[in-house]
Amino acid sequence: MEKDKKENIQQPGIQFHVPPELEYAYRDIFNVYAGVGDVTIEFGNHHKAMPEHASILNRIVMTTGNAYLLVQTLQQALQEAQAVLQHNLSKQKGE
């Protein structure tokens, strides 16, 4: 099943390299702007001292086609995670 998941995410013939020192960043807000040929997604964080303020920290621009692929891939990943969570909860209740 893990192999199927990777095949759905990756395009044929592309091998991804993720360096071990890749930094992970927590973001708690986002904006999305859809144009004619591309989609811009901005990620940021709320200010702890001023909850009504936020800073945009990352901006990603992608083609409309890739944005649709992102939506589909994210939806599939969330559905799979939800199924695993429900399965684990039902196992805990059965114990």
N, C-alpha and C. Protein backbone atom coordinates (compact mmCIF):
# COMPACT_ATOMS: atom_id res chain seq x y z
N MET A 1 0.82 -1.19 0.00
CA MET A 1 0.00 0.00 0.00
C MET A 1 0.87 1.26 0.00
N GLU A 2 1.99 1.23 0.71
CA GLU A 2 2.89 2.39 0.73
C GLU A 2 3.42 2.67 -0.67
N LYS A 3 3.69 1.61 -1.42
CA LYS A 3 4.18 1.80 -2.79
C LYS A 3 3.12 2.48 -3.65
N ASP A 4 1.85 2.09 -3.51
CA ASP A 4 0.78 2.72 -4.27
C ASP A 4 0.67 4.20 -3.94
N LYS A 5 0.80 4.53 -2.66
CA LYS A 5 0.70 5.93 -2.24
C LYS A 5 1.78 6.76 -2.90
N LYS A 6 3.00 6.26 -2.95
CA LYS A 6 4.11 6.99 -3.57
C LYS A 6 3.88 7.15 -5.07
N GLU A 7 3.33 6.12 -5.72
CA GLU A 7 3.10 6.22 -7.15
C GLU A 7 2.04 7.26 -7.47
N ASN A 8 1.04 7.43 -6.61
CA ASN A 8 0.02 8.43 -6.84
C ASN A 8 0.56 9.84 -6.68
N ILE A 9 1.52 10.03 -5.80
CA ILE A 9 2.06 11.35 -5.53
C ILE A 9 3.11 11.74 -6.55
N GLN A 10 3.99 10.84 -6.90
CA GLN A 10 5.10 11.14 -7.79
C GLN A 10 4.69 10.95 -9.24
N GLN A 11 5.26 11.78 -10.09
CA GLN A 11 5.06 11.62 -11.51
C GLN A 11 6.01 10.54 -12.01
N PRO A 12 5.61 9.78 -13.03
CA PRO A 12 6.48 8.71 -13.54
C PRO A 12 7.84 9.26 -13.96
N GLY A 13 8.88 8.54 -13.59
CA GLY A 13 10.22 8.91 -14.00
C GLY A 13 10.91 9.95 -13.13
N ILE A 14 10.26 10.43 -12.11
CA ILE A 14 10.87 11.43 -11.22
C ILE A 14 11.26 10.77 -9.91
N GLN A 15 12.51 10.95 -9.53
CA GLN A 15 12.96 10.47 -8.24
C GLN A 15 13.20 11.68 -7.35
N PHE A 16 12.63 11.67 -6.16
CA PHE A 16 12.76 12.78 -5.23
C PHE A 16 13.91 12.54 -4.27
N HIS A 17 14.67 13.56 -4.01
CA HIS A 17 15.73 13.52 -3.01
C HIS A 17 15.37 14.50 -1.90
N VAL A 18 15.27 14.01 -0.68
CA VAL A 18 14.99 14.86 0.48
C VAL A 18 16.21 14.81 1.38
N PRO A 19 16.93 15.93 1.48
CA PRO A 19 18.12 15.93 2.32
C PRO A 19 17.75 15.72 3.79
N PRO A 20 18.56 14.99 4.54
CA PRO A 20 18.24 14.71 5.94
C PRO A 20 18.17 15.97 6.80
N GLU A 21 18.85 17.03 6.38
CA GLU A 21 18.83 18.26 7.17
C GLU A 21 17.69 19.20 6.77
N LEU A 22 16.75 18.71 5.95
CA LEU A 22 15.62 19.53 5.54
C LEU A 22 14.86 20.03 6.77
N GLU A 23 14.61 21.32 6.80
CA GLU A 23 13.95 21.95 7.94
C GLU A 23 12.43 21.85 7.80
N TYR A 24 11.77 21.52 8.89
CA TYR A 24 10.31 21.51 8.94
C TYR A 24 9.86 22.80 9.60
N ALA A 25 8.80 23.40 9.08
CA ALA A 25 8.30 24.67 9.61
C ALA A 25 6.81 24.55 9.89
N TYR A 26 6.40 24.95 11.09
CA TYR A 26 4.98 24.95 11.46
C TYR A 26 4.33 26.23 10.96
N ARG A 27 3.21 26.11 10.28
CA ARG A 27 2.44 27.27 9.82
C ARG A 27 0.99 27.08 10.25
N ASP A 28 0.37 28.15 10.76
CA ASP A 28 -1.02 28.01 11.22
C ASP A 28 -2.02 28.88 10.46
N ILE A 29 -1.58 29.58 9.41
CA ILE A 29 -2.51 30.31 8.55
C ILE A 29 -2.07 30.17 7.10
N PHE A 30 -3.00 30.40 6.19
CA PHE A 30 -2.64 30.41 4.77
C PHE A 30 -3.65 31.25 4.01
N ASN A 31 -3.20 31.78 2.88
CA ASN A 31 -4.02 32.48 1.90
C ASN A 31 -3.83 31.79 0.57
N VAL A 32 -4.87 31.78 -0.25
CA VAL A 32 -4.78 31.20 -1.58
C VAL A 32 -5.32 32.20 -2.59
N TYR A 33 -4.54 32.42 -3.64
CA TYR A 33 -4.94 33.29 -4.75
C TYR A 33 -4.87 32.49 -6.03
N ALA A 34 -6.00 32.34 -6.72
CA ALA A 34 -6.03 31.59 -7.97
C ALA A 34 -6.16 32.57 -9.13
N GLY A 35 -5.20 32.52 -10.04
CA GLY A 35 -5.24 33.36 -11.23
C GLY A 35 -5.57 32.54 -12.45
N VAL A 36 -5.39 33.13 -13.62
CA VAL A 36 -5.70 32.45 -14.87
C VAL A 36 -4.77 31.26 -15.11
N GLY A 37 -3.46 31.44 -14.88
CA GLY A 37 -2.51 30.39 -15.20
C GLY A 37 -1.76 29.82 -14.02
N ASP A 38 -1.91 30.43 -12.85
CA ASP A 38 -1.20 29.91 -11.70
C ASP A 38 -1.96 30.17 -10.40
N VAL A 39 -1.51 29.49 -9.37
CA VAL A 39 -2.10 29.59 -8.04
C VAL A 39 -0.99 29.94 -7.07
N THR A 40 -1.24 30.91 -6.20
CA THR A 40 -0.28 31.31 -5.18
C THR A 40 -0.83 30.94 -3.81
N ILE A 41 -0.01 30.25 -3.03
CA ILE A 41 -0.37 29.89 -1.66
C ILE A 41 0.64 30.55 -0.74
N GLU A 42 0.14 31.31 0.23
CA GLU A 42 0.99 31.96 1.22
C GLU A 42 0.76 31.29 2.57
N PHE A 43 1.84 31.00 3.27
CA PHE A 43 1.77 30.37 4.59
C PHE A 43 2.37 31.31 5.62
N GLY A 44 1.82 31.29 6.82
CA GLY A 44 2.35 32.15 7.87
C GLY A 44 1.93 31.69 9.25
N ASN A 45 2.18 32.56 10.22
CA ASN A 45 1.86 32.27 11.62
C ASN A 45 1.19 33.48 12.27
N HIS A 46 0.29 33.18 13.20
CA HIS A 46 -0.29 34.23 14.03
C HIS A 46 0.77 34.73 15.01
N HIS A 47 0.70 36.00 15.36
CA HIS A 47 1.58 36.55 16.39
C HIS A 47 1.01 36.15 17.75
N LYS A 48 1.85 35.61 18.61
CA LYS A 48 1.38 35.20 19.94
C LYS A 48 1.00 36.40 20.79
N ALA A 49 1.76 37.48 20.71
CA ALA A 49 1.48 38.66 21.52
C ALA A 49 0.31 39.47 20.96
N MET A 50 0.07 39.35 19.67
CA MET A 50 -1.02 40.10 19.02
C MET A 50 -1.83 39.12 18.16
N PRO A 51 -2.77 38.39 18.75
CA PRO A 51 -3.48 37.33 18.02
C PRO A 51 -4.22 37.80 16.76
N GLU A 52 -4.53 39.09 16.68
CA GLU A 52 -5.23 39.58 15.50
C GLU A 52 -4.28 39.92 14.34
N HIS A 53 -3.00 39.67 14.52
CA HIS A 53 -1.99 39.92 13.50
C HIS A 53 -1.29 38.61 13.11
N ALA A 54 -0.81 38.58 11.88
CA ALA A 54 -0.08 37.41 11.38
C ALA A 54 0.98 37.86 10.40
N SER A 55 1.97 37.02 10.21
CA SER A 55 3.03 37.28 9.23
C SER A 55 3.06 36.16 8.20
N ILE A 56 3.16 36.55 6.93
CA ILE A 56 3.35 35.58 5.85
C ILE A 56 4.84 35.25 5.81
N LEU A 57 5.17 33.96 5.85
CA LEU A 57 6.56 33.53 5.92
C LEU A 57 7.03 32.75 4.70
N ASN A 58 6.09 32.20 3.94
CA ASN A 58 6.43 31.43 2.74
C ASN A 58 5.39 31.72 1.67
N ARG A 59 5.83 31.74 0.44
CA ARG A 59 4.92 31.91 -0.70
C ARG A 59 5.31 30.89 -1.76
N ILE A 60 4.32 30.12 -2.21
CA ILE A 60 4.54 29.09 -3.22
C ILE A 60 3.63 29.39 -4.41
N VAL A 61 4.21 29.39 -5.61
CA VAL A 61 3.44 29.60 -6.84
C VAL A 61 3.53 28.32 -7.65
N MET A 62 2.38 27.85 -8.14
CA MET A 62 2.35 26.63 -8.95
C MET A 62 1.35 26.79 -10.08
N THR A 63 1.48 25.95 -11.07
CA THR A 63 0.52 25.97 -12.18
C THR A 63 -0.85 25.54 -11.67
N THR A 64 -1.87 25.91 -12.40
CA THR A 64 -3.22 25.52 -12.02
C THR A 64 -3.35 23.99 -12.01
N GLY A 65 -2.75 23.34 -12.98
CA GLY A 65 -2.80 21.87 -13.03
C GLY A 65 -2.15 21.24 -11.81
N ASN A 66 -1.00 21.75 -11.40
CA ASN A 66 -0.35 21.22 -10.20
C ASN A 66 -1.15 21.53 -8.95
N ALA A 67 -1.84 22.67 -8.93
CA ALA A 67 -2.68 23.00 -7.78
C ALA A 67 -3.82 21.99 -7.64
N TYR A 68 -4.43 21.61 -8.77
CA TYR A 68 -5.48 20.59 -8.73
C TYR A 68 -4.91 19.25 -8.25
N LEU A 69 -3.71 18.91 -8.73
CA LEU A 69 -3.07 17.67 -8.29
C LEU A 69 -2.78 17.72 -6.79
N LEU A 70 -2.34 18.88 -6.30
CA LEU A 70 -2.10 19.04 -4.86
C LEU A 70 -3.38 18.82 -4.06
N VAL A 71 -4.48 19.40 -4.51
CA VAL A 71 -5.77 19.23 -3.82
C VAL A 71 -6.16 17.76 -3.78
N GLN A 72 -6.05 17.07 -4.91
CA GLN A 72 -6.42 15.66 -4.97
C GLN A 72 -5.53 14.80 -4.08
N THR A 73 -4.23 15.06 -4.12
CA THR A 73 -3.27 14.29 -3.33
C THR A 73 -3.48 14.53 -1.84
N LEU A 74 -3.71 15.77 -1.47
CA LEU A 74 -3.96 16.11 -0.07
C LEU A 74 -5.25 15.47 0.42
N GLN A 75 -6.29 15.51 -0.39
CA GLN A 75 -7.56 14.89 -0.01
C GLN A 75 -7.39 13.38 0.19
N GLN A 76 -6.66 12.73 -0.71
CA GLN A 76 -6.43 11.29 -0.58
C GLN A 76 -5.63 10.98 0.68
N ALA A 77 -4.58 11.74 0.94
CA ALA A 77 -3.76 11.51 2.12
C ALA A 77 -4.57 11.70 3.41
N LEU A 78 -5.42 12.72 3.44
CA LEU A 78 -6.25 12.96 4.63
C LEU A 78 -7.28 11.85 4.82
N GLN A 79 -7.86 11.36 3.73
CA GLN A 79 -8.81 10.26 3.83
C GLN A 79 -8.13 9.00 4.36
N GLU A 80 -6.92 8.72 3.89
CA GLU A 80 -6.19 7.55 4.37
C GLU A 80 -5.83 7.70 5.85
N ALA A 81 -5.39 8.89 6.25
CA ALA A 81 -5.06 9.13 7.65
C ALA A 81 -6.29 8.98 8.53
N GLN A 82 -7.43 9.48 8.06
CA GLN A 82 -8.68 9.36 8.81
C GLN A 82 -9.09 7.89 8.97
N ALA A 83 -8.92 7.10 7.93
CA ALA A 83 -9.26 5.68 8.00
C ALA A 83 -8.37 4.96 9.01
N VAL A 84 -7.08 5.27 9.03
CA VAL A 84 -6.17 4.66 10.00
C VAL A 84 -6.56 5.07 11.42
N LEU A 85 -6.86 6.35 11.61
CA LEU A 85 -7.26 6.83 12.93
C LEU A 85 -8.53 6.13 13.41
N GLN A 86 -9.52 6.02 12.54
CA GLN A 86 -10.76 5.34 12.91
C GLN A 86 -10.51 3.87 13.22
N HIS A 87 -9.65 3.23 12.45
CA HIS A 87 -9.32 1.82 12.69
C HIS A 87 -8.66 1.67 14.07
N ASN A 88 -7.70 2.54 14.37
CA ASN A 88 -7.00 2.47 15.66
C ASN A 88 -7.94 2.75 16.83
N LEU A 89 -8.86 3.69 16.65
CA LEU A 89 -9.82 3.98 17.72
C LEU A 89 -10.76 2.81 17.95
N SER A 90 -11.20 2.16 16.88
CA SER A 90 -12.10 1.02 17.04
C SER A 90 -11.37 -0.16 17.69
N LYS A 91 -10.06 -0.32 17.40
CA LYS A 91 -9.28 -1.37 18.06
C LYS A 91 -9.15 -1.08 19.56
N GLN A 92 -8.95 0.19 19.92
CA GLN A 92 -8.81 0.56 21.34
C GLN A 92 -10.12 0.30 22.09
N LYS A 93 -11.25 0.59 21.46
CA LYS A 93 -12.55 0.38 22.10
C LYS A 93 -12.83 -1.10 22.28
N GLY A 94 -12.31 -1.92 21.36
CA GLY A 94 -12.53 -3.36 21.41
C GLY A 94 -11.67 -4.07 22.45
N GLU A 95 -10.63 -3.41 22.93
CA GLU A 95 -9.71 -4.07 23.89
C GLU A 95 -10.29 -4.16 25.26
